[in-house]
Structure formats: C-alpha cells, structure tokens
Amino acid sequence: MAQKVPAPLPAVNLPLVREDRRSDQGFAQWLSSVDVLLRLLAVSNVGLLTSAANDAAAATAGVPIGALYQNAGAVRQRLV
C-alpha cells in the first residue's frame, strides 16, 4: 500500500526577538518542540535514515515521497 503524503504544515510566524529586543518565548517553545519531535523520530521505528545528497539520490536509494532521509547529518524529507 502506498504511503499517504501528509499535507504541508502552515508557515511558522514566530519572531526571534520582540520589538523591545528581548527574545521571544514563542519561538523558543516552538524550537524546543521541534527538538523533541526529532529526538523521538531518531529513537522510534524510523531506524537508520538513508544517506542521500538530494531528493533524486534519495529516490534512487528507494526512499518514498514524504519519507525522511539524511544528508551530512541534516534530516530531510523527500518531496519529489
């Protein structure tokens, strides 16, 4: 059965700093959530990610559209 590609997430519109030049806690909380998500993916059933230079190389390596792969330690999602 083909994997269902999830809908794209809405753009994150969180300022890094507020107008008074202090850090914005909304961005810090969002970044913390992303960190937790990536850590869970790393230890869950994702297993070892395929290493590929780009989407074309990931496709050649058998990574389905929407799945994750890695490039030089950066987690990427195959889009095409």
N, C-alpha and C. Protein backbone atom coordinates (compact mmCIF):
# COMPACT_ATOMS: atom_id res chain seq x y z
N MET A 1 0.84 -1.18 0.00
CA MET A 1 0.00 0.00 0.00
C MET A 1 0.89 1.24 0.00
N ALA A 2 0.55 2.22 -0.81
CA ALA A 2 1.34 3.45 -0.92
C ALA A 2 1.19 4.28 0.34
N GLN A 3 2.28 4.95 0.70
CA GLN A 3 2.23 5.83 1.85
C GLN A 3 1.49 7.11 1.50
N LYS A 4 0.69 7.57 2.44
CA LYS A 4 -0.02 8.82 2.25
C LYS A 4 0.91 9.97 2.62
N VAL A 5 1.06 10.94 1.72
CA VAL A 5 1.92 12.09 1.98
C VAL A 5 1.12 13.09 2.80
N PRO A 6 1.65 13.50 3.97
CA PRO A 6 0.91 14.44 4.80
C PRO A 6 0.85 15.82 4.14
N ALA A 7 -0.19 16.55 4.48
CA ALA A 7 -0.34 17.92 3.97
C ALA A 7 0.77 18.79 4.55
N PRO A 8 1.22 19.79 3.80
CA PRO A 8 2.26 20.67 4.33
C PRO A 8 1.75 21.43 5.56
N LEU A 9 2.65 21.68 6.48
CA LEU A 9 2.30 22.43 7.68
C LEU A 9 2.26 23.92 7.35
N PRO A 10 1.45 24.69 8.10
CA PRO A 10 1.44 26.13 7.86
C PRO A 10 2.79 26.74 8.23
N ALA A 11 3.09 27.86 7.62
CA ALA A 11 4.36 28.54 7.89
C ALA A 11 4.40 28.98 9.36
N VAL A 12 5.58 28.89 9.94
CA VAL A 12 5.76 29.33 11.32
C VAL A 12 6.04 30.82 11.29
N ASN A 13 5.22 31.58 11.99
CA ASN A 13 5.38 33.03 12.02
C ASN A 13 5.66 33.46 13.45
N LEU A 14 6.83 33.10 13.95
CA LEU A 14 7.23 33.46 15.31
C LEU A 14 8.48 34.33 15.25
N PRO A 15 8.42 35.53 15.79
CA PRO A 15 9.61 36.39 15.75
C PRO A 15 10.71 35.84 16.66
N LEU A 16 11.95 36.01 16.22
CA LEU A 16 13.08 35.60 17.05
C LEU A 16 13.24 36.52 18.24
N VAL A 17 13.02 37.81 18.00
CA VAL A 17 13.09 38.80 19.08
C VAL A 17 11.89 39.72 18.99
N ARG A 18 11.52 40.26 20.12
CA ARG A 18 10.40 41.19 20.17
C ARG A 18 10.90 42.59 19.82
N GLU A 19 9.97 43.52 19.72
CA GLU A 19 10.33 44.90 19.38
C GLU A 19 11.24 45.52 20.43
N ASP A 20 11.13 45.07 21.68
CA ASP A 20 11.99 45.62 22.74
C ASP A 20 13.35 44.90 22.79
N ARG A 21 13.64 44.11 21.74
CA ARG A 21 14.92 43.42 21.56
C ARG A 21 15.17 42.29 22.56
N ARG A 22 14.12 41.81 23.21
CA ARG A 22 14.24 40.66 24.09
C ARG A 22 13.82 39.43 23.31
N SER A 23 14.33 38.28 23.71
CA SER A 23 13.98 37.06 22.99
C SER A 23 12.51 36.74 23.16
N ASP A 24 11.93 36.14 22.15
CA ASP A 24 10.52 35.79 22.17
C ASP A 24 10.37 34.35 22.62
N GLN A 25 9.60 34.11 23.67
CA GLN A 25 9.43 32.77 24.22
C GLN A 25 8.66 31.84 23.29
N GLY A 26 7.82 32.40 22.42
CA GLY A 26 7.08 31.56 21.48
C GLY A 26 8.01 30.81 20.56
N PHE A 27 9.03 31.50 20.06
CA PHE A 27 9.99 30.84 19.17
C PHE A 27 10.79 29.79 19.93
N ALA A 28 11.19 30.11 21.15
CA ALA A 28 11.96 29.15 21.96
C ALA A 28 11.14 27.90 22.22
N GLN A 29 9.85 28.05 22.51
CA GLN A 29 9.00 26.90 22.76
C GLN A 29 8.81 26.08 21.49
N TRP A 30 8.65 26.75 20.35
CA TRP A 30 8.50 26.04 19.08
C TRP A 30 9.76 25.25 18.76
N LEU A 31 10.93 25.88 18.95
CA LEU A 31 12.20 25.21 18.67
C LEU A 31 12.38 24.01 19.59
N SER A 32 11.97 24.14 20.84
CA SER A 32 12.06 23.03 21.78
C SER A 32 11.16 21.87 21.32
N SER A 33 9.97 22.20 20.82
CA SER A 33 9.06 21.16 20.33
C SER A 33 9.64 20.43 19.13
N VAL A 34 10.28 21.17 18.23
CA VAL A 34 10.91 20.55 17.06
C VAL A 34 12.03 19.62 17.52
N ASP A 35 12.81 20.05 18.50
CA ASP A 35 13.89 19.23 19.02
C ASP A 35 13.35 17.93 19.60
N VAL A 36 12.28 18.01 20.37
CA VAL A 36 11.67 16.81 20.95
C VAL A 36 11.18 15.88 19.85
N LEU A 37 10.51 16.44 18.85
CA LEU A 37 10.00 15.62 17.74
C LEU A 37 11.13 14.88 17.03
N LEU A 38 12.20 15.59 16.72
CA LEU A 38 13.32 14.95 16.02
C LEU A 38 13.98 13.88 16.87
N ARG A 39 14.08 14.12 18.17
CA ARG A 39 14.66 13.10 19.06
C ARG A 39 13.77 11.86 19.11
N LEU A 40 12.45 12.05 19.14
CA LEU A 40 11.54 10.91 19.14
C LEU A 40 11.64 10.14 17.84
N LEU A 41 11.74 10.84 16.73
CA LEU A 41 11.91 10.16 15.45
C LEU A 41 13.20 9.35 15.42
N ALA A 42 14.23 9.90 16.01
CA ALA A 42 15.53 9.24 15.98
C ALA A 42 15.53 7.92 16.75
N VAL A 43 14.73 7.83 17.81
CA VAL A 43 14.74 6.61 18.63
C VAL A 43 13.53 5.72 18.37
N SER A 44 12.61 6.17 17.53
CA SER A 44 11.41 5.37 17.29
C SER A 44 11.67 4.35 16.19
N ASN A 45 10.61 3.97 15.51
CA ASN A 45 10.72 2.94 14.49
C ASN A 45 11.26 3.46 13.16
N VAL A 46 11.72 4.69 13.11
CA VAL A 46 12.30 5.21 11.88
C VAL A 46 13.57 4.43 11.55
N GLY A 47 14.32 4.09 12.58
CA GLY A 47 15.56 3.34 12.37
C GLY A 47 16.62 4.22 11.73
N LEU A 48 17.57 3.59 11.10
CA LEU A 48 18.62 4.35 10.44
C LEU A 48 18.08 5.02 9.19
N LEU A 49 18.39 6.28 9.03
CA LEU A 49 17.93 7.00 7.85
C LEU A 49 18.89 6.76 6.70
N THR A 50 18.34 6.66 5.51
CA THR A 50 19.14 6.52 4.31
C THR A 50 19.94 7.80 4.10
N SER A 51 21.17 7.67 3.70
CA SER A 51 22.01 8.83 3.40
C SER A 51 21.92 9.13 1.91
N ALA A 52 21.54 10.37 1.57
CA ALA A 52 21.42 10.76 0.17
C ALA A 52 21.73 12.25 0.04
N ALA A 53 22.32 12.63 -1.08
CA ALA A 53 22.72 14.02 -1.31
C ALA A 53 21.53 14.93 -1.61
N ASN A 54 20.49 14.39 -2.23
CA ASN A 54 19.33 15.21 -2.61
C ASN A 54 18.14 14.28 -2.87
N ASP A 55 17.00 14.88 -3.27
CA ASP A 55 15.80 14.07 -3.50
C ASP A 55 15.99 13.02 -4.59
N ALA A 56 16.72 13.38 -5.65
CA ALA A 56 16.93 12.42 -6.73
C ALA A 56 17.73 11.21 -6.24
N ALA A 57 18.76 11.48 -5.46
CA ALA A 57 19.57 10.38 -4.91
C ALA A 57 18.76 9.56 -3.91
N ALA A 58 17.90 10.23 -3.14
CA ALA A 58 17.05 9.51 -2.20
C ALA A 58 16.07 8.60 -2.94
N ALA A 59 15.53 9.10 -4.06
CA ALA A 59 14.62 8.28 -4.87
C ALA A 59 15.33 7.05 -5.40
N THR A 60 16.56 7.24 -5.89
CA THR A 60 17.36 6.13 -6.40
C THR A 60 17.64 5.11 -5.29
N ALA A 61 17.80 5.60 -4.06
CA ALA A 61 18.08 4.71 -2.93
C ALA A 61 16.81 4.05 -2.39
N GLY A 62 15.64 4.38 -2.96
CA GLY A 62 14.41 3.73 -2.55
C GLY A 62 13.61 4.45 -1.48
N VAL A 63 13.94 5.71 -1.19
CA VAL A 63 13.20 6.47 -0.19
C VAL A 63 11.89 6.93 -0.83
N PRO A 64 10.73 6.58 -0.25
CA PRO A 64 9.45 7.00 -0.85
C PRO A 64 9.20 8.50 -0.62
N ILE A 65 8.36 9.10 -1.48
CA ILE A 65 8.00 10.50 -1.32
C ILE A 65 7.35 10.69 0.05
N GLY A 66 7.77 11.72 0.76
CA GLY A 66 7.25 12.01 2.09
C GLY A 66 8.07 11.39 3.21
N ALA A 67 8.95 10.45 2.88
CA ALA A 67 9.76 9.80 3.91
C ALA A 67 11.01 10.63 4.22
N LEU A 68 11.65 10.30 5.33
CA LEU A 68 12.84 11.03 5.77
C LEU A 68 14.11 10.35 5.28
N TYR A 69 15.13 11.17 5.01
CA TYR A 69 16.48 10.69 4.74
C TYR A 69 17.43 11.71 5.33
N GLN A 70 18.73 11.43 5.32
CA GLN A 70 19.68 12.39 5.88
C GLN A 70 20.77 12.73 4.89
N ASN A 71 21.26 13.95 5.03
CA ASN A 71 22.35 14.45 4.19
C ASN A 71 23.32 15.18 5.11
N ALA A 72 24.48 14.62 5.33
CA ALA A 72 25.52 15.21 6.19
C ALA A 72 24.98 15.52 7.58
N GLY A 73 24.13 14.65 8.10
CA GLY A 73 23.61 14.81 9.44
C GLY A 73 22.33 15.64 9.53
N ALA A 74 21.91 16.26 8.44
CA ALA A 74 20.68 17.03 8.43
C ALA A 74 19.53 16.14 7.98
N VAL A 75 18.45 16.12 8.74
CA VAL A 75 17.28 15.31 8.38
C VAL A 75 16.49 16.06 7.32
N ARG A 76 16.15 15.36 6.25
CA ARG A 76 15.41 15.96 5.14
C ARG A 76 14.21 15.06 4.82
N GLN A 77 13.21 15.66 4.17
CA GLN A 77 12.04 14.91 3.74
C GLN A 77 12.02 14.90 2.22
N ARG A 78 11.84 13.71 1.65
CA ARG A 78 11.79 13.62 0.18
C ARG A 78 10.49 14.22 -0.32
N LEU A 79 10.61 15.19 -1.23
CA LEU A 79 9.44 15.89 -1.75
C LEU A 79 9.10 15.50 -3.17
N VAL A 80 10.11 15.16 -3.98
CA VAL A 80 9.85 14.82 -5.39
C VAL A 80 10.52 13.50 -5.73
